[in-house]
Amino acid sequence: MDEFVTNCSLIIAIVLGPLMLLALTGWFAVQAFLDIKAKAIQVYGLRFTPCGRCLYYTGCKELACAVNPCIALTKSAQDCRDFTPADAPKPPNVKHPKS
């Protein structure tokens, strides 16, 4: 009886081992595809909005814009009134005298 259990365990391991490996490989491949697809959609959306060229664009998905986070990377961002080119001159740092 002990030999039968050992043989059955061996057969199950031989059959299920490669299947589990194939399933895990497939799962990782699907996750990688979904991540690449999400990044491609994000990059494709940047082509039509000025956000990628703006001074206030952070590149972070949690807070894409420091000034107008609600319209960042959307169609309404095309008419953003706070758009400032990233290569625009910065305002000078003015030090206020202490009173």
PDB file of N, CA and C in Angstrom:
ATOM      1  N   MET A   1       0.818  -1.192   0.000  1.00  0.00           N
ATOM      2  CA  MET A   1       0.000   0.000   0.000  1.00  0.00           C
ATOM      3  C   MET A   1       0.862   1.255   0.000  1.00  0.00           C
ATOM      4  N   ASP A   2       1.967   1.208   0.751  1.00  0.00           N
ATOM      5  CA  ASP A   2       2.862   2.358   0.832  1.00  0.00           C
ATOM      6  C   ASP A   2       3.494   2.653  -0.517  1.00  0.00           C
ATOM      7  N   GLU A   3       3.811   1.593  -1.257  1.00  0.00           N
ATOM      8  CA  GLU A   3       4.397   1.769  -2.582  1.00  0.00           C
ATOM      9  C   GLU A   3       3.379   2.369  -3.549  1.00  0.00           C
ATOM     10  N   PHE A   4       2.099   2.002  -3.408  1.00  0.00           N
ATOM     11  CA  PHE A   4       1.042   2.535  -4.259  1.00  0.00           C
ATOM     12  C   PHE A   4       0.887   4.040  -4.041  1.00  0.00           C
ATOM     13  N   VAL A   5       0.931   4.481  -2.791  1.00  0.00           N
ATOM     14  CA  VAL A   5       0.815   5.911  -2.478  1.00  0.00           C
ATOM     15  C   VAL A   5       2.012   6.661  -3.058  1.00  0.00           C
ATOM     16  N   THR A   6       3.201   6.101  -2.954  1.00  0.00           N
ATOM     17  CA  THR A   6       4.400   6.726  -3.492  1.00  0.00           C
ATOM     18  C   THR A   6       4.316   6.825  -5.018  1.00  0.00           C
ATOM     19  N   ASN A   7       3.857   5.752  -5.662  1.00  0.00           N
ATOM     20  CA  ASN A   7       3.726   5.770  -7.118  1.00  0.00           C
ATOM     21  C   ASN A   7       2.665   6.771  -7.569  1.00  0.00           C
ATOM     22  N   CYS A   8       1.548   6.829  -6.873  1.00  0.00           N
ATOM     23  CA  CYS A   8       0.493   7.797  -7.215  1.00  0.00           C
ATOM     24  C   CYS A   8       0.991   9.222  -7.017  1.00  0.00           C
ATOM     25  N   SER A   9       1.723   9.471  -5.950  1.00  0.00           N
ATOM     26  CA  SER A   9       2.278  10.806  -5.707  1.00  0.00           C
ATOM     27  C   SER A   9       3.256  11.196  -6.803  1.00  0.00           C
ATOM     28  N   LEU A  10       4.052  10.236  -7.238  1.00  0.00           N
ATOM     29  CA  LEU A  10       5.012  10.490  -8.301  1.00  0.00           C
ATOM     30  C   LEU A  10       4.305  10.804  -9.618  1.00  0.00           C
ATOM     31  N   ILE A  11       3.265  10.059  -9.939  1.00  0.00           N
ATOM     32  CA  ILE A  11       2.513  10.297 -11.176  1.00  0.00           C
ATOM     33  C   ILE A  11       1.834  11.664 -11.132  1.00  0.00           C
ATOM     34  N   ILE A  12       1.248  12.001  -9.995  1.00  0.00           N
ATOM     35  CA  ILE A  12       0.596  13.305  -9.852  1.00  0.00           C
ATOM     36  C   ILE A  12       1.622  14.422  -9.991  1.00  0.00           C
ATOM     37  N   ALA A  13       2.775  14.255  -9.394  1.00  0.00           N
ATOM     38  CA  ALA A  13       3.818  15.284  -9.487  1.00  0.00           C
ATOM     39  C   ALA A  13       4.328  15.427 -10.919  1.00  0.00           C
ATOM     40  N   ILE A  14       4.465  14.313 -11.620  1.00  0.00           N
ATOM     41  CA  ILE A  14       4.948  14.357 -13.003  1.00  0.00           C
ATOM     42  C   ILE A  14       3.931  15.049 -13.909  1.00  0.00           C
ATOM     43  N   VAL A  15       2.649  14.828 -13.664  1.00  0.00           N
ATOM     44  CA  VAL A  15       1.610  15.428 -14.500  1.00  0.00           C
ATOM     45  C   VAL A  15       1.362  16.883 -14.114  1.00  0.00           C
ATOM     46  N   LEU A  16       1.224  17.158 -12.826  1.00  0.00           N
ATOM     47  CA  LEU A  16       0.862  18.500 -12.379  1.00  0.00           C
ATOM     48  C   LEU A  16       2.032  19.480 -12.364  1.00  0.00           C
ATOM     49  N   GLY A  17       3.235  18.996 -12.225  1.00  0.00           N
ATOM     50  CA  GLY A  17       4.396  19.884 -12.181  1.00  0.00           C
ATOM     51  C   GLY A  17       4.533  20.740 -13.432  1.00  0.00           C
ATOM     52  N   PRO A  18       4.594  20.117 -14.602  1.00  0.00           N
ATOM     53  CA  PRO A  18       4.686  20.921 -15.833  1.00  0.00           C
ATOM     54  C   PRO A  18       3.449  21.782 -16.078  1.00  0.00           C
ATOM     55  N   LEU A  19       2.270  21.279 -15.708  1.00  0.00           N
ATOM     56  CA  LEU A  19       1.061  22.077 -15.887  1.00  0.00           C
ATOM     57  C   LEU A  19       1.084  23.339 -15.019  1.00  0.00           C
ATOM     58  N   MET A  20       1.532  23.205 -13.802  1.00  0.00           N
ATOM     59  CA  MET A  20       1.626  24.371 -12.913  1.00  0.00           C
ATOM     60  C   MET A  20       2.673  25.345 -13.419  1.00  0.00           C
ATOM     61  N   LEU A  21       3.782  24.830 -13.917  1.00  0.00           N
ATOM     62  CA  LEU A  21       4.816  25.691 -14.486  1.00  0.00           C
ATOM     63  C   LEU A  21       4.286  26.443 -15.700  1.00  0.00           C
ATOM     64  N   LEU A  22       3.543  25.753 -16.547  1.00  0.00           N
ATOM     65  CA  LEU A  22       2.948  26.382 -17.719  1.00  0.00           C
ATOM     66  C   LEU A  22       1.910  27.428 -17.310  1.00  0.00           C
ATOM     67  N   ALA A  23       1.110  27.135 -16.306  1.00  0.00           N
ATOM     68  CA  ALA A  23       0.107  28.092 -15.840  1.00  0.00           C
ATOM     69  C   ALA A  23       0.761  29.338 -15.246  1.00  0.00           C
ATOM     70  N   LEU A  24       1.802  29.169 -14.458  1.00  0.00           N
ATOM     71  CA  LEU A  24       2.501  30.322 -13.886  1.00  0.00           C
ATOM     72  C   LEU A  24       3.179  31.158 -14.960  1.00  0.00           C
ATOM     73  N   THR A  25       3.784  30.503 -15.937  1.00  0.00           N
ATOM     74  CA  THR A  25       4.420  31.232 -17.037  1.00  0.00           C
ATOM     75  C   THR A  25       3.376  32.017 -17.819  1.00  0.00           C
ATOM     76  N   GLY A  26       2.236  31.408 -18.078  1.00  0.00           N
ATOM     77  CA  GLY A  26       1.154  32.100 -18.770  1.00  0.00           C
ATOM     78  C   GLY A  26       0.630  33.283 -17.975  1.00  0.00           C
ATOM     79  N   TRP A  27       0.491  33.116 -16.670  1.00  0.00           N
ATOM     80  CA  TRP A  27       0.001  34.206 -15.818  1.00  0.00           C
ATOM     81  C   TRP A  27       0.974  35.385 -15.849  1.00  0.00           C
ATOM     82  N   PHE A  28       2.273  35.105 -15.728  1.00  0.00           N
ATOM     83  CA  PHE A  28       3.266  36.182 -15.789  1.00  0.00           C
ATOM     84  C   PHE A  28       3.261  36.868 -17.152  1.00  0.00           C
ATOM     85  N   ALA A  29       3.080  36.087 -18.212  1.00  0.00           N
ATOM     86  CA  ALA A  29       3.050  36.677 -19.554  1.00  0.00           C
ATOM     87  C   ALA A  29       1.834  37.584 -19.721  1.00  0.00           C
ATOM     88  N   VAL A  30       0.688  37.164 -19.222  1.00  0.00           N
ATOM     89  CA  VAL A  30      -0.517  37.993 -19.310  1.00  0.00           C
ATOM     90  C   VAL A  30      -0.345  39.275 -18.496  1.00  0.00           C
ATOM     91  N   GLN A  31       0.217  39.178 -17.302  1.00  0.00           N
ATOM     92  CA  GLN A  31       0.426  40.371 -16.479  1.00  0.00           C
ATOM     93  C   GLN A  31       1.400  41.332 -17.140  1.00  0.00           C
ATOM     94  N   ALA A  32       2.443  40.808 -17.742  1.00  0.00           N
ATOM     95  CA  ALA A  32       3.402  41.667 -18.441  1.00  0.00           C
ATOM     96  C   ALA A  32       2.734  42.342 -19.630  1.00  0.00           C
ATOM     97  N   PHE A  33       1.922  41.613 -20.363  1.00  0.00           N
ATOM     98  CA  PHE A  33       1.196  42.200 -21.492  1.00  0.00           C
ATOM     99  C   PHE A  33       0.264  43.308 -21.033  1.00  0.00           C
ATOM    100  N   LEU A  34      -0.461  43.095 -19.944  1.00  0.00           N
ATOM    101  CA  LEU A  34      -1.386  44.113 -19.443  1.00  0.00           C
ATOM    102  C   LEU A  34      -0.639  45.358 -18.969  1.00  0.00           C
ATOM    103  N   ASP A  35       0.517  45.183 -18.342  1.00  0.00           N
ATOM    104  CA  ASP A  35       1.318  46.331 -17.915  1.00  0.00           C
ATOM    105  C   ASP A  35       1.837  47.118 -19.112  1.00  0.00           C
ATOM    106  N   ILE A  36       2.311  46.413 -20.124  1.00  0.00           N
ATOM    107  CA  ILE A  36       2.803  47.087 -21.329  1.00  0.00           C
ATOM    108  C   ILE A  36       1.662  47.810 -22.032  1.00  0.00           C
ATOM    109  N   LYS A  37       0.496  47.197 -22.066  1.00  0.00           N
ATOM    110  CA  LYS A  37      -0.666  47.821 -22.705  1.00  0.00           C
ATOM    111  C   LYS A  37      -1.064  49.095 -21.958  1.00  0.00           C
ATOM    112  N   ALA A  38      -1.067  49.066 -20.622  1.00  0.00           N
ATOM    113  CA  ALA A  38      -1.419  50.248 -19.842  1.00  0.00           C
ATOM    114  C   ALA A  38      -0.419  51.374 -20.071  1.00  0.00           C
ATOM    115  N   LYS A  39       0.871  51.048 -20.117  1.00  0.00           N
ATOM    116  CA  LYS A  39       1.891  52.068 -20.381  1.00  0.00           C
ATOM    117  C   LYS A  39       1.742  52.635 -21.786  1.00  0.00           C
ATOM    118  N   ALA A  40       1.445  51.782 -22.763  1.00  0.00           N
ATOM    119  CA  ALA A  40       1.277  52.249 -24.144  1.00  0.00           C
ATOM    120  C   ALA A  40       0.088  53.193 -24.252  1.00  0.00           C
ATOM    121  N   ILE A  41      -0.994  52.882 -23.556  1.00  0.00           N
ATOM    122  CA  ILE A  41      -2.157  53.771 -23.565  1.00  0.00           C
ATOM    123  C   ILE A  41      -1.808  55.105 -22.923  1.00  0.00           C
ATOM    124  N   GLN A  42      -1.051  55.069 -21.843  1.00  0.00           N
ATOM    125  CA  GLN A  42      -0.650  56.303 -21.180  1.00  0.00           C
ATOM    126  C   GLN A  42       0.250  57.140 -22.087  1.00  0.00           C
ATOM    127  N   VAL A  43       1.204  56.519 -22.727  1.00  0.00           N
ATOM    128  CA  VAL A  43       2.119  57.246 -23.615  1.00  0.00           C
ATOM    129  C   VAL A  43       1.366  57.760 -24.839  1.00  0.00           C
ATOM    130  N   TYR A  44       0.451  56.966 -25.372  1.00  0.00           N
ATOM    131  CA  TYR A  44      -0.331  57.393 -26.523  1.00  0.00           C
ATOM    132  C   TYR A  44      -1.195  58.598 -26.161  1.00  0.00           C
ATOM    133  N   GLY A  45      -1.749  58.606 -24.951  1.00  0.00           N
ATOM    134  CA  GLY A  45      -2.557  59.742 -24.499  1.00  0.00           C
ATOM    135  C   GLY A  45      -1.736  61.006 -24.329  1.00  0.00           C
ATOM    136  N   LEU A  46      -0.468  60.862 -24.001  1.00  0.00           N
ATOM    137  CA  LEU A  46       0.394  62.035 -23.838  1.00  0.00           C
ATOM    138  C   LEU A  46       0.652  62.739 -25.157  1.00  0.00           C
ATOM    139  N   ARG A  47       0.503  62.049 -26.274  1.00  0.00           N
ATOM    140  CA  ARG A  47       0.737  62.677 -27.567  1.00  0.00           C
ATOM    141  C   ARG A  47      -0.278  63.772 -27.852  1.00  0.00           C
ATOM    142  N   PHE A  48      -1.480  63.649 -27.312  1.00  0.00           N
ATOM    143  CA  PHE A  48      -2.550  64.582 -27.619  1.00  0.00           C
ATOM    144  C   PHE A  48      -2.765  65.630 -26.537  1.00  0.00           C
ATOM    145  N   THR A  49      -2.051  65.558 -25.466  1.00  0.00           N
ATOM    146  CA  THR A  49      -2.161  66.569 -24.415  1.00  0.00           C
ATOM    147  C   THR A  49      -0.811  67.254 -24.246  1.00  0.00           C
ATOM    148  N   PRO A  50      -0.828  68.501 -23.821  1.00  0.00           N
ATOM    149  CA  PRO A  50       0.440  69.199 -23.615  1.00  0.00           C
ATOM    150  C   PRO A  50       1.085  68.862 -22.272  1.00  0.00           C
ATOM    151  N   CYS A  51       0.482  67.980 -21.525  1.00  0.00           N
ATOM    152  CA  CYS A  51       0.949  67.709 -20.155  1.00  0.00           C
ATOM    153  C   CYS A  51       2.411  67.252 -20.099  1.00  0.00           C
ATOM    154  N   GLY A  52       2.834  66.434 -21.026  1.00  0.00           N
ATOM    155  CA  GLY A  52       4.203  65.923 -21.006  1.00  0.00           C
ATOM    156  C   GLY A  52       5.256  67.003 -21.210  1.00  0.00           C
ATOM    157  N   ARG A  53       4.850  68.122 -21.789  1.00  0.00           N
ATOM    158  CA  ARG A  53       5.785  69.226 -22.020  1.00  0.00           C
ATOM    159  C   ARG A  53       5.615  70.357 -21.008  1.00  0.00           C
ATOM    160  N   CYS A  54       4.770  70.166 -20.006  1.00  0.00           N
ATOM    161  CA  CYS A  54       4.460  71.218 -19.042  1.00  0.00           C
ATOM    162  C   CYS A  54       5.410  71.194 -17.850  1.00  0.00           C
ATOM    163  N   LEU A  55       5.644  72.367 -17.310  1.00  0.00           N
ATOM    164  CA  LEU A  55       6.513  72.520 -16.142  1.00  0.00           C
ATOM    165  C   LEU A  55       5.937  71.819 -14.916  1.00  0.00           C
ATOM    166  N   TYR A  56       4.620  71.789 -14.810  1.00  0.00           N
ATOM    167  CA  TYR A  56       3.957  71.244 -13.621  1.00  0.00           C
ATOM    168  C   TYR A  56       3.672  69.748 -13.719  1.00  0.00           C
ATOM    169  N   TYR A  57       3.984  69.134 -14.834  1.00  0.00           N
ATOM    170  CA  TYR A  57       3.749  67.694 -14.999  1.00  0.00           C
ATOM    171  C   TYR A  57       4.794  66.925 -14.209  1.00  0.00           C
ATOM    172  N   THR A  58       4.327  66.007 -13.337  1.00  0.00           N
ATOM    173  CA  THR A  58       5.243  65.271 -12.472  1.00  0.00           C
ATOM    174  C   THR A  58       5.623  63.906 -13.035  1.00  0.00           C
ATOM    175  N   GLY A  59       4.782  63.329 -13.886  1.00  0.00           N
ATOM    176  CA  GLY A  59       5.059  61.996 -14.414  1.00  0.00           C
ATOM    177  C   GLY A  59       4.588  60.891 -13.491  1.00  0.00           C
ATOM    178  N   CYS A  60       4.092  61.242 -12.335  1.00  0.00           N
ATOM    179  CA  CYS A  60       3.596  60.272 -11.355  1.00  0.00           C
ATOM    180  C   CYS A  60       2.117  60.006 -11.640  1.00  0.00           C
ATOM    181  N   LYS A  61       1.698  58.746 -11.637  1.00  0.00           N
ATOM    182  CA  LYS A  61       0.309  58.467 -11.965  1.00  0.00           C
ATOM    183  C   LYS A  61      -0.651  58.870 -10.844  1.00  0.00           C
ATOM    184  N   GLU A  62      -0.172  58.979  -9.620  1.00  0.00           N
ATOM    185  CA  GLU A  62      -1.037  59.397  -8.531  1.00  0.00           C
ATOM    186  C   GLU A  62      -1.327  60.896  -8.575  1.00  0.00           C
ATOM    187  N   LEU A  63      -0.349  61.691  -8.970  1.00  0.00           N
ATOM    188  CA  LEU A  63      -0.519  63.139  -9.054  1.00  0.00           C
ATOM    189  C   LEU A  63       0.238  63.616 -10.294  1.00  0.00           C
ATOM    190  N   ALA A  64      -0.436  63.524 -11.435  1.00  0.00           N
ATOM    191  CA  ALA A  64       0.223  63.836 -12.704  1.00  0.00           C
ATOM    192  C   ALA A  64       0.528  65.322 -12.831  1.00  0.00           C
ATOM    193  N   CYS A  65      -0.309  66.169 -12.255  1.00  0.00           N
ATOM    194  CA  CYS A  65      -0.113  67.613 -12.384  1.00  0.00           C
ATOM    195  C   CYS A  65      -0.247  68.235 -11.002  1.00  0.00           C
ATOM    196  N   ALA A  66       0.672  69.131 -10.700  1.00  0.00           N
ATOM    197  CA  ALA A  66       0.646  69.771  -9.385  1.00  0.00           C
ATOM    198  C   ALA A  66      -0.390  70.887  -9.319  1.00  0.00           C
ATOM    199  N   VAL A  67      -0.806  71.433 -10.454  1.00  0.00           N
ATOM    200  CA  VAL A  67      -1.737  72.557 -10.460  1.00  0.00           C
ATOM    201  C   VAL A  67      -3.172  72.106 -10.736  1.00  0.00           C
ATOM    202  N   ASN A  68      -3.381  71.313 -11.774  1.00  0.00           N
ATOM    203  CA  ASN A  68      -4.710  70.830 -12.151  1.00  0.00           C
ATOM    204  C   ASN A  68      -4.722  69.311 -12.243  1.00  0.00           C
ATOM    205  N   PRO A  69      -4.723  68.615 -11.129  1.00  0.00           N
ATOM    206  CA  PRO A  69      -4.644  67.155 -11.202  1.00  0.00           C
ATOM    207  C   PRO A  69      -5.897  66.508 -11.787  1.00  0.00           C
ATOM    208  N   CYS A  70      -7.036  67.177 -11.722  1.00  0.00           N
ATOM    209  CA  CYS A  70      -8.271  66.576 -12.228  1.00  0.00           C
ATOM    210  C   CYS A  70      -8.318  66.515 -13.749  1.00  0.00           C
ATOM    211  N   ILE A  71      -7.678  67.455 -14.432  1.00  0.00           N
ATOM    212  CA  ILE A  71      -7.737  67.458 -15.889  1.00  0.00           C
ATOM    213  C   ILE A  71      -6.458  66.954 -16.538  1.00  0.00           C
ATOM    214  N   ALA A  72      -5.481  66.594 -15.745  1.00  0.00           N
ATOM    215  CA  ALA A  72      -4.205  66.137 -16.305  1.00  0.00           C
ATOM    216  C   ALA A  72      -4.405  64.881 -17.131  1.00  0.00           C
ATOM    217  N   LEU A  73      -3.771  64.858 -18.299  1.00  0.00           N
ATOM    218  CA  LEU A  73      -3.786  63.729 -19.225  1.00  0.00           C
ATOM    219  C   LEU A  73      -5.179  63.413 -19.759  1.00  0.00           C
ATOM    220  N   THR A  74      -6.052  64.408 -19.835  1.00  0.00           N
ATOM    221  CA  THR A  74      -7.380  64.244 -20.417  1.00  0.00           C
ATOM    222  C   THR A  74      -7.516  65.189 -21.597  1.00  0.00           C
ATOM    223  N   LYS A  75      -8.635  65.088 -22.331  1.00  0.00           N
ATOM    224  CA  LYS A  75      -8.848  65.969 -23.477  1.00  0.00           C
ATOM    225  C   LYS A  75      -8.995  67.425 -23.040  1.00  0.00           C
ATOM    226  N   SER A  76      -9.530  67.648 -21.854  1.00  0.00           N
ATOM    227  CA  SER A  76      -9.690  69.028 -21.399  1.00  0.00           C
ATOM    228  C   SER A  76      -8.346  69.675 -21.058  1.00  0.00           C
ATOM    229  N   ALA A  77      -7.297  68.900 -20.964  1.00  0.00           N
ATOM    230  CA  ALA A  77      -5.970  69.462 -20.686  1.00  0.00           C
ATOM    231  C   ALA A  77      -5.398  70.185 -21.901  1.00  0.00           C
ATOM    232  N   GLN A  78      -6.007  69.984 -23.077  1.00  0.00           N
ATOM    233  CA  GLN A  78      -5.530  70.682 -24.265  1.00  0.00           C
ATOM    234  C   GLN A  78      -5.719  72.189 -24.148  1.00  0.00           C
ATOM    235  N   ASP A  79      -6.709  72.610 -23.388  1.00  0.00           N
ATOM    236  CA  ASP A  79      -6.981  74.031 -23.189  1.00  0.00           C
ATOM    237  C   ASP A  79      -6.637  74.478 -21.773  1.00  0.00           C
ATOM    238  N   CYS A  80      -5.624  73.889 -21.184  1.00  0.00           N
ATOM    239  CA  CYS A  80      -5.252  74.207 -19.806  1.00  0.00           C
ATOM    240  C   CYS A  80      -4.716  75.641 -19.729  1.00  0.00           C
ATOM    241  N   ARG A  81      -5.293  76.424 -18.837  1.00  0.00           N
ATOM    242  CA  ARG A  81      -4.871  77.825 -18.720  1.00  0.00           C
ATOM    243  C   ARG A  81      -3.574  77.970 -17.934  1.00  0.00           C
ATOM    244  N   ASP A  82      -3.174  76.936 -17.229  1.00  0.00           N
ATOM    245  CA  ASP A  82      -1.947  76.991 -16.431  1.00  0.00           C
ATOM    246  C   ASP A  82      -0.758  76.339 -17.128  1.00  0.00           C
ATOM    247  N   PHE A  83      -0.913  76.011 -18.403  1.00  0.00           N
ATOM    248  CA  PHE A  83       0.185  75.357 -19.126  1.00  0.00           C
ATOM    249  C   PHE A  83       1.383  76.299 -19.210  1.00  0.00           C
ATOM    250  N   THR A  84       2.521  75.798 -18.769  1.00  0.00           N
ATOM    251  CA  THR A  84       3.784  76.525 -18.868  1.00  0.00           C
ATOM    252  C   THR A  84       4.804  75.558 -19.457  1.00  0.00           C
ATOM    253  N   PRO A  85       5.409  75.906 -20.580  1.00  0.00           N
ATOM    254  CA  PRO A  85       6.407  74.987 -21.155  1.00  0.00           C
ATOM    255  C   PRO A  85       7.522  74.689 -20.150  1.00  0.00           C
ATOM    256  N   ALA A  86       7.975  73.453 -20.171  1.00  0.00           N
ATOM    257  CA  ALA A  86       8.997  73.031 -19.207  1.00  0.00           C
ATOM    258  C   ALA A  86      10.305  73.774 -19.399  1.00  0.00           C
ATOM    259  N   ASP A  87      10.556  74.276 -20.592  1.00  0.00           N
ATOM    260  CA  ASP A  87      11.797  74.996 -20.827  1.00  0.00           C
ATOM    261  C   ASP A  87      11.623  76.512 -20.686  1.00  0.00           C
ATOM    262  N   ALA A  88      10.483  76.948 -20.138  1.00  0.00           N
ATOM    263  CA  ALA A  88      10.248  78.378 -19.931  1.00  0.00           C
ATOM    264  C   ALA A  88      11.161  78.885 -18.823  1.00  0.00           C
ATOM    265  N   PRO A  89      11.553  80.168 -18.879  1.00  0.00           N
ATOM    266  CA  PRO A  89      12.409  80.705 -17.817  1.00  0.00           C
ATOM    267  C   PRO A  89      11.677  80.728 -16.486  1.00  0.00           C
ATOM    268  N   LYS A  90      12.398  80.376 -15.458  1.00  0.00           N
ATOM    269  CA  LYS A  90      11.823  80.344 -14.109  1.00  0.00           C
ATOM    270  C   LYS A  90      11.771  81.769 -13.544  1.00  0.00           C
ATOM    271  N   PRO A  91      10.759  82.059 -12.727  1.00  0.00           N
ATOM    272  CA  PRO A  91      10.730  83.376 -12.098  1.00  0.00           C
ATOM    273  C   PRO A  91      11.884  83.507 -11.108  1.00  0.00           C
ATOM    274  N   PRO A  92      12.434  84.705 -10.978  1.00  0.00           N
ATOM    275  CA  PRO A  92      13.573  84.862 -10.061  1.00  0.00           C
ATOM    276  C   PRO A  92      13.143  84.681  -8.616  1.00  0.00           C
ATOM    277  N   ASN A  93      14.053  84.150  -7.826  1.00  0.00           N
ATOM    278  CA  ASN A  93      13.794  84.009  -6.393  1.00  0.00           C
ATOM    279  C   ASN A  93      13.999  85.367  -5.741  1.00  0.00           C
ATOM    280  N   VAL A  94      12.940  85.891  -5.204  1.00  0.00           N
ATOM    281  CA  VAL A  94      13.004  87.196  -4.548  1.00  0.00           C
ATOM    282  C   VAL A  94      13.030  86.977  -3.065  1.00  0.00           C
ATOM    283  N   LYS A  95      14.048  87.485  -2.420  1.00  0.00           N
ATOM    284  CA  LYS A  95      14.129  87.350  -0.978  1.00  0.00           C
ATOM    285  C   LYS A  95      13.538  88.595  -0.358  1.00  0.00           C
ATOM    286  N   HIS A  96      12.575  88.380   0.467  1.00  0.00           N
ATOM    287  CA  HIS A  96      11.912  89.503   1.125  1.00  0.00           C
ATOM    288  C   HIS A  96      12.709  89.904   2.356  1.00  0.00           C
ATOM    289  N   PRO A  97      12.892  91.198   2.561  1.00  0.00           N
ATOM    290  CA  PRO A  97      13.628  91.635   3.751  1.00  0.00           C
ATOM    291  C   PRO A  97      12.794  91.377   5.010  1.00  0.00           C
ATOM    292  N   LYS A  98      13.485  91.028   6.047  1.00  0.00           N
ATOM    293  CA  LYS A  98      12.796  90.775   7.316  1.00  0.00           C
ATOM    294  C   LYS A  98      12.412  92.124   7.915  1.00  0.00           C
ATOM    295  N   SER A  99      11.189  92.220   8.419  1.00  0.00           N
ATOM    296  CA  SER A  99      10.756  93.478   9.013  1.00  0.00           C
ATOM    297  C   SER A  99      10.926  93.463  10.514  1.00  0.00           C
TER     298      SER A  99
END
